[in-house]
Amino acid sequence: MSLNGKVALVTGAGRGIGRALATALAASGARVACVARSHDELARTSALVAERGEKALAVAADLSDPRMVPKVVRQVTVQLGSVDVLINNAATVEPLGRSADMTPEAWTAAFRLNVITPATLSAMLLPHMSAARWGRIVNVSSSIVDHPEAMIGGNAYAATKAALEAHTLNLAAELSGSGVTVNVYRPGSVDTAMQGLIREKGEERLDAATYTRFVRNHQEGKLISSADSAQSLVDRLTSHATGQVWDVGDPR
């Protein structure tokens, strides 16, 4: 099975894992819609996709705004065609800090981007996938779901990723036998801007042990590249497996 000619939509595609996913999908022959907030970052992603012989559709949109989601879907569908592959990668690690200091607004913003937006995008794209009896939905999560106690100061992030995984596995069960697969992907400790943000601002917002671990992993070269993590995911997209939690370290 090939991704050649498939239309893929990647959120958070301006940098890091999202950018690497867009280029890896293009190398597999997919037409890629790249969604992110920054025009400049999208331009760089589009250039990298072009180097692989495909044209990227760059869609600048803040997906934390629920009004933008249907606009993004409409633009991608009109310009590239119906989406066959959806990778929900956009996420926020904020708010960081003590749970007692978190506001309802901060919690709402985290759940909106990390959970509600992926679920909404999936719902909007499912009619075509179901009719075609082929579709791939992957929600990018984190190993924090297995050990939420390991990131003290990241309560909202842990909670949203756990909710995202529950949504994913439930949706996979609902769609079993439809030809549409739905899976979780845990990308591992990747050298991304999110990791950089934690090292830069986490000392006063995370507990000492958590912050030290993030800094040490970077110093000791334990972070993997975005390209390696992205390829691990793209290699799995032709599989018929569904309802699984894929980890970057799992055999492909």
C-alpha atoms as a PDB file:
ATOM      1  CA  MET A   1       0.000   0.000   0.000  1.00  0.00           C
ATOM      2  CA  SER A   2       1.286   3.439  -0.908  1.00  0.00           C
ATOM      3  CA  LEU A   3       0.674   7.020   0.173  1.00  0.00           C
ATOM      4  CA  ASN A   4       1.300   8.188  -3.371  1.00  0.00           C
ATOM      5  CA  GLY A   5      -1.371  10.694  -4.380  1.00  0.00           C
ATOM      6  CA  LYS A   6      -2.998  10.761  -0.954  1.00  0.00           C
ATOM      7  CA  VAL A   7      -3.853  14.114   0.608  1.00  0.00           C
ATOM      8  CA  ALA A   8      -2.369  14.591   4.066  1.00  0.00           C
ATOM      9  CA  LEU A   9      -3.080  17.349   6.554  1.00  0.00           C
ATOM     10  CA  VAL A  10      -0.497  18.007   9.270  1.00  0.00           C
ATOM     11  CA  THR A  11      -1.124  20.476  12.071  1.00  0.00           C
ATOM     12  CA  GLY A  12       1.718  22.198  13.849  1.00  0.00           C
ATOM     13  CA  ALA A  13       3.690  21.844  10.613  1.00  0.00           C
ATOM     14  CA  GLY A  14       5.716  25.037  10.924  1.00  0.00           C
ATOM     15  CA  ARG A  15       8.618  23.459  12.769  1.00  0.00           C
ATOM     16  CA  GLY A  16       9.873  20.463  14.709  1.00  0.00           C
ATOM     17  CA  ILE A  17       8.051  17.159  14.354  1.00  0.00           C
ATOM     18  CA  GLY A  18       5.283  18.709  12.266  1.00  0.00           C
ATOM     19  CA  ARG A  19       7.725  20.040   9.680  1.00  0.00           C
ATOM     20  CA  ALA A  20       9.529  16.703   9.592  1.00  0.00           C
ATOM     21  CA  LEU A  21       6.224  14.875   9.138  1.00  0.00           C
ATOM     22  CA  ALA A  22       5.288  17.108   6.215  1.00  0.00           C
ATOM     23  CA  THR A  23       8.578  16.448   4.426  1.00  0.00           C
ATOM     24  CA  ALA A  24       8.467  12.709   5.129  1.00  0.00           C
ATOM     25  CA  LEU A  25       4.910  12.477   3.787  1.00  0.00           C
ATOM     26  CA  ALA A  26       5.927  14.390   0.668  1.00  0.00           C
ATOM     27  CA  ALA A  27       8.824  11.988   0.163  1.00  0.00           C
ATOM     28  CA  SER A  28       6.233   9.181   0.265  1.00  0.00           C
ATOM     29  CA  GLY A  29       4.277  10.804  -2.552  1.00  0.00           C
ATOM     30  CA  ALA A  30       1.523  12.489  -0.554  1.00  0.00           C
ATOM     31  CA  ARG A  31       0.208  15.965  -1.268  1.00  0.00           C
ATOM     32  CA  VAL A  32       0.593  17.818   2.005  1.00  0.00           C
ATOM     33  CA  ALA A  33      -1.405  20.590   3.627  1.00  0.00           C
ATOM     34  CA  CYS A  34       0.721  22.228   6.315  1.00  0.00           C
ATOM     35  CA  VAL A  35      -1.105  24.118   9.039  1.00  0.00           C
ATOM     36  CA  ALA A  36       0.601  26.387  11.571  1.00  0.00           C
ATOM     37  CA  ARG A  37       0.378  29.900  12.960  1.00  0.00           C
ATOM     38  CA  SER A  38       3.559  31.370  11.488  1.00  0.00           C
ATOM     39  CA  HIS A  39       3.754  32.371   7.819  1.00  0.00           C
ATOM     40  CA  ASP A  40       7.559  32.382   7.917  1.00  0.00           C
ATOM     41  CA  GLU A  41       7.831  28.910   9.389  1.00  0.00           C
ATOM     42  CA  LEU A  42       5.286  27.570   6.900  1.00  0.00           C
ATOM     43  CA  ALA A  43       7.293  29.057   4.050  1.00  0.00           C
ATOM     44  CA  ARG A  44      10.349  27.100   5.191  1.00  0.00           C
ATOM     45  CA  THR A  45       8.321  23.888   5.481  1.00  0.00           C
ATOM     46  CA  SER A  46       6.880  24.426   2.006  1.00  0.00           C
ATOM     47  CA  ALA A  47      10.381  24.866   0.597  1.00  0.00           C
ATOM     48  CA  LEU A  48      11.522  21.604   2.162  1.00  0.00           C
ATOM     49  CA  VAL A  49       8.480  19.789   0.766  1.00  0.00           C
ATOM     50  CA  ALA A  50       9.227  21.217  -2.681  1.00  0.00           C
ATOM     51  CA  GLU A  51      12.725  19.769  -2.477  1.00  0.00           C
ATOM     52  CA  ARG A  52      11.065  16.357  -2.328  1.00  0.00           C
ATOM     53  CA  GLY A  53       9.158  16.949  -5.525  1.00  0.00           C
ATOM     54  CA  GLU A  54       5.796  17.866  -4.046  1.00  0.00           C
ATOM     55  CA  LYS A  55       3.979  21.160  -3.558  1.00  0.00           C
ATOM     56  CA  ALA A  56       2.832  21.956  -0.047  1.00  0.00           C
ATOM     57  CA  LEU A  57      -0.309  23.905   0.672  1.00  0.00           C
ATOM     58  CA  ALA A  58       0.592  26.328   3.468  1.00  0.00           C
ATOM     59  CA  VAL A  59      -2.347  27.302   5.663  1.00  0.00           C
ATOM     60  CA  ALA A  60      -1.636  29.916   8.308  1.00  0.00           C
ATOM     61  CA  ALA A  61      -4.187  29.463  11.078  1.00  0.00           C
ATOM     62  CA  ASP A  62      -4.372  29.496  14.853  1.00  0.00           C
ATOM     63  CA  LEU A  63      -6.174  26.257  15.608  1.00  0.00           C
ATOM     64  CA  SER A  64      -6.774  27.321  19.193  1.00  0.00           C
ATOM     65  CA  ASP A  65      -9.528  29.472  17.668  1.00  0.00           C
ATOM     66  CA  PRO A  66     -12.436  27.081  16.980  1.00  0.00           C
ATOM     67  CA  ARG A  67     -13.684  29.320  14.181  1.00  0.00           C
ATOM     68  CA  MET A  68     -10.559  28.534  12.186  1.00  0.00           C
ATOM     69  CA  VAL A  69     -11.039  24.771  12.023  1.00  0.00           C
ATOM     70  CA  PRO A  70     -13.830  24.670   9.409  1.00  0.00           C
ATOM     71  CA  LYS A  71     -12.034  27.358   7.400  1.00  0.00           C
ATOM     72  CA  VAL A  72      -8.886  25.228   7.294  1.00  0.00           C
ATOM     73  CA  VAL A  73     -10.802  22.134   6.216  1.00  0.00           C
ATOM     74  CA  ARG A  74     -12.605  24.088   3.505  1.00  0.00           C
ATOM     75  CA  GLN A  75      -9.391  25.600   2.121  1.00  0.00           C
ATOM     76  CA  VAL A  76      -7.547  22.282   2.047  1.00  0.00           C
ATOM     77  CA  THR A  77     -10.452  20.462   0.416  1.00  0.00           C
ATOM     78  CA  VAL A  78     -10.887  23.097  -2.280  1.00  0.00           C
ATOM     79  CA  GLN A  79      -7.193  23.355  -3.119  1.00  0.00           C
ATOM     80  CA  LEU A  80      -5.947  19.791  -2.655  1.00  0.00           C
ATOM     81  CA  GLY A  81      -9.022  17.583  -2.451  1.00  0.00           C
ATOM     82  CA  SER A  82     -10.519  15.537   0.361  1.00  0.00           C
ATOM     83  CA  VAL A  83      -8.104  14.627   3.138  1.00  0.00           C
ATOM     84  CA  ASP A  84      -7.028  10.983   3.428  1.00  0.00           C
ATOM     85  CA  VAL A  85      -4.418  11.324   6.196  1.00  0.00           C
ATOM     86  CA  LEU A  86      -4.802  13.544   9.258  1.00  0.00           C
ATOM     87  CA  ILE A  87      -1.965  13.972  11.720  1.00  0.00           C
ATOM     88  CA  ASN A  88      -2.965  16.053  14.711  1.00  0.00           C
ATOM     89  CA  ASN A  89       0.413  17.275  15.903  1.00  0.00           C
ATOM     90  CA  ALA A  90      -0.253  20.851  17.082  1.00  0.00           C
ATOM     91  CA  ALA A  91      -0.219  21.143  20.868  1.00  0.00           C
ATOM     92  CA  THR A  92       0.736  23.374  23.753  1.00  0.00           C
ATOM     93  CA  VAL A  93       2.642  22.491  26.913  1.00  0.00           C
ATOM     94  CA  GLU A  94       1.198  25.538  28.646  1.00  0.00           C
ATOM     95  CA  PRO A  95       0.156  26.295  31.307  1.00  0.00           C
ATOM     96  CA  LEU A  96       3.185  25.254  33.346  1.00  0.00           C
ATOM     97  CA  GLY A  97       3.377  25.788  37.078  1.00  0.00           C
ATOM     98  CA  ARG A  98       1.583  24.923  40.275  1.00  0.00           C
ATOM     99  CA  SER A  99      -1.920  23.578  39.806  1.00  0.00           C
ATOM    100  CA  ALA A 100      -3.195  25.994  42.449  1.00  0.00           C
ATOM    101  CA  ASP A 101      -2.119  28.868  40.210  1.00  0.00           C
ATOM    102  CA  MET A 102      -3.901  27.634  37.096  1.00  0.00           C
ATOM    103  CA  THR A 103      -6.940  29.580  35.928  1.00  0.00           C
ATOM    104  CA  PRO A 104     -10.021  28.073  34.298  1.00  0.00           C
ATOM    105  CA  GLU A 105      -9.126  30.037  31.178  1.00  0.00           C
ATOM    106  CA  ALA A 106      -5.666  28.435  31.000  1.00  0.00           C
ATOM    107  CA  TRP A 107      -7.127  24.942  31.428  1.00  0.00           C
ATOM    108  CA  THR A 108      -9.730  25.654  28.741  1.00  0.00           C
ATOM    109  CA  ALA A 109      -7.097  26.884  26.281  1.00  0.00           C
ATOM    110  CA  ALA A 110      -4.992  23.762  26.794  1.00  0.00           C
ATOM    111  CA  PHE A 111      -7.912  21.385  26.291  1.00  0.00           C
ATOM    112  CA  ARG A 112      -9.149  23.340  23.288  1.00  0.00           C
ATOM    113  CA  LEU A 113      -5.902  23.003  21.318  1.00  0.00           C
ATOM    114  CA  ASN A 114      -4.719  19.622  22.598  1.00  0.00           C
ATOM    115  CA  VAL A 115      -8.030  17.735  22.612  1.00  0.00           C
ATOM    116  CA  ILE A 116     -10.995  19.580  21.122  1.00  0.00           C
ATOM    117  CA  THR A 117      -9.274  20.710  17.922  1.00  0.00           C
ATOM    118  CA  PRO A 118      -8.011  17.194  17.024  1.00  0.00           C
ATOM    119  CA  ALA A 119     -11.436  15.711  17.745  1.00  0.00           C
ATOM    120  CA  THR A 120     -13.163  18.387  15.676  1.00  0.00           C
ATOM    121  CA  LEU A 121     -10.818  17.985  12.720  1.00  0.00           C
ATOM    122  CA  SER A 122     -11.323  14.227  12.805  1.00  0.00           C
ATOM    123  CA  ALA A 123     -15.092  14.596  12.871  1.00  0.00           C
ATOM    124  CA  MET A 124     -15.072  16.983   9.920  1.00  0.00           C
ATOM    125  CA  LEU A 125     -12.838  14.742   7.793  1.00  0.00           C
ATOM    126  CA  LEU A 126     -14.438  11.394   8.645  1.00  0.00           C
ATOM    127  CA  PRO A 127     -17.320  11.508   6.133  1.00  0.00           C
ATOM    128  CA  HIS A 128     -14.924  11.356   3.166  1.00  0.00           C
ATOM    129  CA  MET A 129     -12.668   8.759   4.769  1.00  0.00           C
ATOM    130  CA  SER A 130     -15.615   6.572   5.671  1.00  0.00           C
ATOM    131  CA  ALA A 131     -17.119   6.838   2.196  1.00  0.00           C
ATOM    132  CA  ALA A 132     -13.756   5.976   0.631  1.00  0.00           C
ATOM    133  CA  ARG A 133     -13.272   3.155   3.156  1.00  0.00           C
ATOM    134  CA  TRP A 134      -9.704   4.369   3.638  1.00  0.00           C
ATOM    135  CA  GLY A 135      -8.319   6.935   6.015  1.00  0.00           C
ATOM    136  CA  ARG A 136      -5.576   7.456   8.548  1.00  0.00           C
ATOM    137  CA  ILE A 137      -5.929   9.555  11.698  1.00  0.00           C
ATOM    138  CA  VAL A 138      -2.998   9.840  14.068  1.00  0.00           C
ATOM    139  CA  ASN A 139      -3.015  11.893  17.250  1.00  0.00           C
ATOM    140  CA  VAL A 140       0.431  12.837  18.524  1.00  0.00           C
ATOM    141  CA  SER A 141       0.623  12.284  22.271  1.00  0.00           C
ATOM    142  CA  SER A 142       3.378  11.810  24.842  1.00  0.00           C
ATOM    143  CA  SER A 143       4.808   9.148  27.110  1.00  0.00           C
ATOM    144  CA  ILE A 144       3.714  11.374  29.988  1.00  0.00           C
ATOM    145  CA  VAL A 145       0.379   9.545  29.802  1.00  0.00           C
ATOM    146  CA  ASP A 146       2.022   6.425  31.245  1.00  0.00           C
ATOM    147  CA  HIS A 147       3.807   8.423  33.964  1.00  0.00           C
ATOM    148  CA  PRO A 148       1.887  11.649  34.644  1.00  0.00           C
ATOM    149  CA  GLU A 149       3.614  11.996  37.991  1.00  0.00           C
ATOM    150  CA  ALA A 150       6.962  12.449  36.226  1.00  0.00           C
ATOM    151  CA  MET A 151       6.276  16.033  35.107  1.00  0.00           C
ATOM    152  CA  ILE A 152       5.321  17.986  38.195  1.00  0.00           C
ATOM    153  CA  GLY A 153       4.233  21.400  37.036  1.00  0.00           C
ATOM    154  CA  GLY A 154       2.803  20.001  33.812  1.00  0.00           C
ATOM    155  CA  ASN A 155      -0.599  18.968  35.115  1.00  0.00           C
ATOM    156  CA  ALA A 156      -2.569  20.427  32.210  1.00  0.00           C
ATOM    157  CA  TYR A 157      -0.283  18.871  29.611  1.00  0.00           C
ATOM    158  CA  ALA A 158      -0.523  15.446  31.240  1.00  0.00           C
ATOM    159  CA  ALA A 159      -4.298  15.694  31.535  1.00  0.00           C
ATOM    160  CA  THR A 160      -4.840  16.800  27.944  1.00  0.00           C
ATOM    161  CA  LYS A 161      -2.637  14.077  26.488  1.00  0.00           C
ATOM    162  CA  ALA A 162      -4.414  11.433  28.559  1.00  0.00           C
ATOM    163  CA  ALA A 163      -7.753  12.736  27.305  1.00  0.00           C
ATOM    164  CA  LEU A 164      -6.485  12.743  23.721  1.00  0.00           C
ATOM    165  CA  GLU A 165      -5.436   9.100  23.972  1.00  0.00           C
ATOM    166  CA  ALA A 166      -8.783   8.089  25.446  1.00  0.00           C
ATOM    167  CA  HIS A 167     -10.582   9.869  22.624  1.00  0.00           C
ATOM    168  CA  THR A 168      -8.328   8.196  20.048  1.00  0.00           C
ATOM    169  CA  LEU A 169      -8.848   4.657  21.268  1.00  0.00           C
ATOM    170  CA  ASN A 170     -12.586   5.127  21.634  1.00  0.00           C
ATOM    171  CA  LEU A 171     -12.853   6.528  18.100  1.00  0.00           C
ATOM    172  CA  ALA A 172     -10.784   3.622  16.774  1.00  0.00           C
ATOM    173  CA  ALA A 173     -13.226   1.161  18.336  1.00  0.00           C
ATOM    174  CA  GLU A 174     -16.164   3.064  16.861  1.00  0.00           C
ATOM    175  CA  LEU A 175     -14.645   2.917  13.375  1.00  0.00           C
ATOM    176  CA  SER A 176     -13.400  -0.669  13.530  1.00  0.00           C
ATOM    177  CA  GLY A 177     -13.862  -2.396  10.181  1.00  0.00           C
ATOM    178  CA  SER A 178     -14.531   0.838   8.320  1.00  0.00           C
ATOM    179  CA  GLY A 179     -11.149   1.082   6.619  1.00  0.00           C
ATOM    180  CA  VAL A 180     -10.335   4.178   8.675  1.00  0.00           C
ATOM    181  CA  THR A 181      -7.602   3.621  11.251  1.00  0.00           C
ATOM    182  CA  VAL A 182      -7.094   5.794  14.315  1.00  0.00           C
ATOM    183  CA  ASN A 183      -3.935   5.574  16.380  1.00  0.00           C
ATOM    184  CA  VAL A 184      -1.855   7.369  18.987  1.00  0.00           C
ATOM    185  CA  TYR A 185       1.773   8.251  18.341  1.00  0.00           C
ATOM    186  CA  ARG A 186       4.235   8.996  21.123  1.00  0.00           C
ATOM    187  CA  PRO A 187       7.203  10.651  19.418  1.00  0.00           C
ATOM    188  CA  GLY A 188       9.769  10.247  22.198  1.00  0.00           C
ATOM    189  CA  SER A 189      12.041  12.951  23.583  1.00  0.00           C
ATOM    190  CA  VAL A 190      12.592  15.038  20.477  1.00  0.00           C
ATOM    191  CA  ASP A 191      14.797  18.101  20.205  1.00  0.00           C
ATOM    192  CA  THR A 192      11.982  20.581  19.536  1.00  0.00           C
ATOM    193  CA  ALA A 193      11.031  24.143  20.399  1.00  0.00           C
ATOM    194  CA  MET A 194       8.800  22.768  23.160  1.00  0.00           C
ATOM    195  CA  GLN A 195      11.804  21.144  24.803  1.00  0.00           C
ATOM    196  CA  GLY A 196      13.680  24.425  24.415  1.00  0.00           C
ATOM    197  CA  LEU A 197      10.837  26.342  26.050  1.00  0.00           C
ATOM    198  CA  ILE A 198      10.899  24.024  29.047  1.00  0.00           C
ATOM    199  CA  ARG A 199      14.653  24.426  29.445  1.00  0.00           C
ATOM    200  CA  GLU A 200      14.379  28.183  29.108  1.00  0.00           C
ATOM    201  CA  LYS A 201      11.382  28.890  31.327  1.00  0.00           C
ATOM    202  CA  GLY A 202      10.842  25.728  33.341  1.00  0.00           C
ATOM    203  CA  GLU A 203      13.243  26.321  36.218  1.00  0.00           C
ATOM    204  CA  GLU A 204      10.741  28.442  38.122  1.00  0.00           C
ATOM    205  CA  ARG A 205       7.639  26.641  36.880  1.00  0.00           C
ATOM    206  CA  LEU A 206       8.505  22.960  37.222  1.00  0.00           C
ATOM    207  CA  ASP A 207       9.759  21.067  40.214  1.00  0.00           C
ATOM    208  CA  ALA A 208      13.541  20.862  40.461  1.00  0.00           C
ATOM    209  CA  ALA A 209      13.820  17.176  39.558  1.00  0.00           C
ATOM    210  CA  THR A 210      11.659  17.563  36.442  1.00  0.00           C
ATOM    211  CA  TYR A 211      13.529  20.626  35.236  1.00  0.00           C
ATOM    212  CA  THR A 212      16.921  19.026  35.856  1.00  0.00           C
ATOM    213  CA  ARG A 213      15.900  15.955  33.865  1.00  0.00           C
ATOM    214  CA  PHE A 214      14.948  18.037  30.826  1.00  0.00           C
ATOM    215  CA  VAL A 215      18.233  19.958  30.957  1.00  0.00           C
ATOM    216  CA  ARG A 216      20.324  16.826  31.499  1.00  0.00           C
ATOM    217  CA  ASN A 217      18.702  14.931  28.640  1.00  0.00           C
ATOM    218  CA  HIS A 218      19.645  17.772  26.311  1.00  0.00           C
ATOM    219  CA  GLN A 219      23.173  18.104  27.621  1.00  0.00           C
ATOM    220  CA  GLU A 220      23.814  14.383  27.378  1.00  0.00           C
ATOM    221  CA  GLY A 221      22.531  14.151  23.809  1.00  0.00           C
ATOM    222  CA  LYS A 222      19.584  11.920  24.655  1.00  0.00           C
ATOM    223  CA  LEU A 223      17.097  13.791  22.469  1.00  0.00           C
ATOM    224  CA  ILE A 224      16.276  12.339  19.062  1.00  0.00           C
ATOM    225  CA  SER A 225      15.847  14.304  15.858  1.00  0.00           C
ATOM    226  CA  SER A 226      12.485  15.389  14.522  1.00  0.00           C
ATOM    227  CA  ALA A 227      13.264  13.627  11.241  1.00  0.00           C
ATOM    228  CA  ASP A 228      13.875  10.252  12.890  1.00  0.00           C
ATOM    229  CA  SER A 229      10.711  10.484  14.947  1.00  0.00           C
ATOM    230  CA  ALA A 230       8.601  11.593  11.984  1.00  0.00           C
ATOM    231  CA  GLN A 231       9.849   8.776   9.762  1.00  0.00           C
ATOM    232  CA  SER A 232       8.963   6.252  12.443  1.00  0.00           C
ATOM    233  CA  LEU A 233       5.359   7.456  12.251  1.00  0.00           C
ATOM    234  CA  VAL A 234       5.094   7.762   8.473  1.00  0.00           C
ATOM    235  CA  ASP A 235       6.408   4.210   8.046  1.00  0.00           C
ATOM    236  CA  ARG A 236       3.368   2.979   9.982  1.00  0.00           C
ATOM    237  CA  LEU A 237       0.689   4.773   7.958  1.00  0.00           C
ATOM    238  CA  THR A 238       0.231   2.040   5.374  1.00  0.00           C
ATOM    239  CA  SER A 239      -0.557  -0.471   8.104  1.00  0.00           C
ATOM    240  CA  HIS A 240      -4.136  -1.567   8.774  1.00  0.00           C
ATOM    241  CA  ALA A 241      -3.495  -1.488  12.525  1.00  0.00           C
ATOM    242  CA  THR A 242      -5.926   0.610  14.516  1.00  0.00           C
ATOM    243  CA  GLY A 243      -6.595   1.438  18.155  1.00  0.00           C
ATOM    244  CA  GLN A 244      -2.921   1.258  19.013  1.00  0.00           C
ATOM    245  CA  VAL A 245      -0.516   3.416  20.989  1.00  0.00           C
ATOM    246  CA  TRP A 246       2.607   3.611  18.855  1.00  0.00           C
ATOM    247  CA  ASP A 247       5.870   4.625  20.458  1.00  0.00           C
ATOM    248  CA  VAL A 248       8.872   5.808  18.492  1.00  0.00           C
ATOM    249  CA  GLY A 249      10.916   2.989  20.007  1.00  0.00           C
ATOM    250  CA  ASP A 250       8.521   0.211  18.991  1.00  0.00           C
ATOM    251  CA  PRO A 251       9.482  -2.140  16.146  1.00  0.00           C
ATOM    252  CA  ARG A 252       7.955  -0.991  12.867  1.00  0.00           C
END
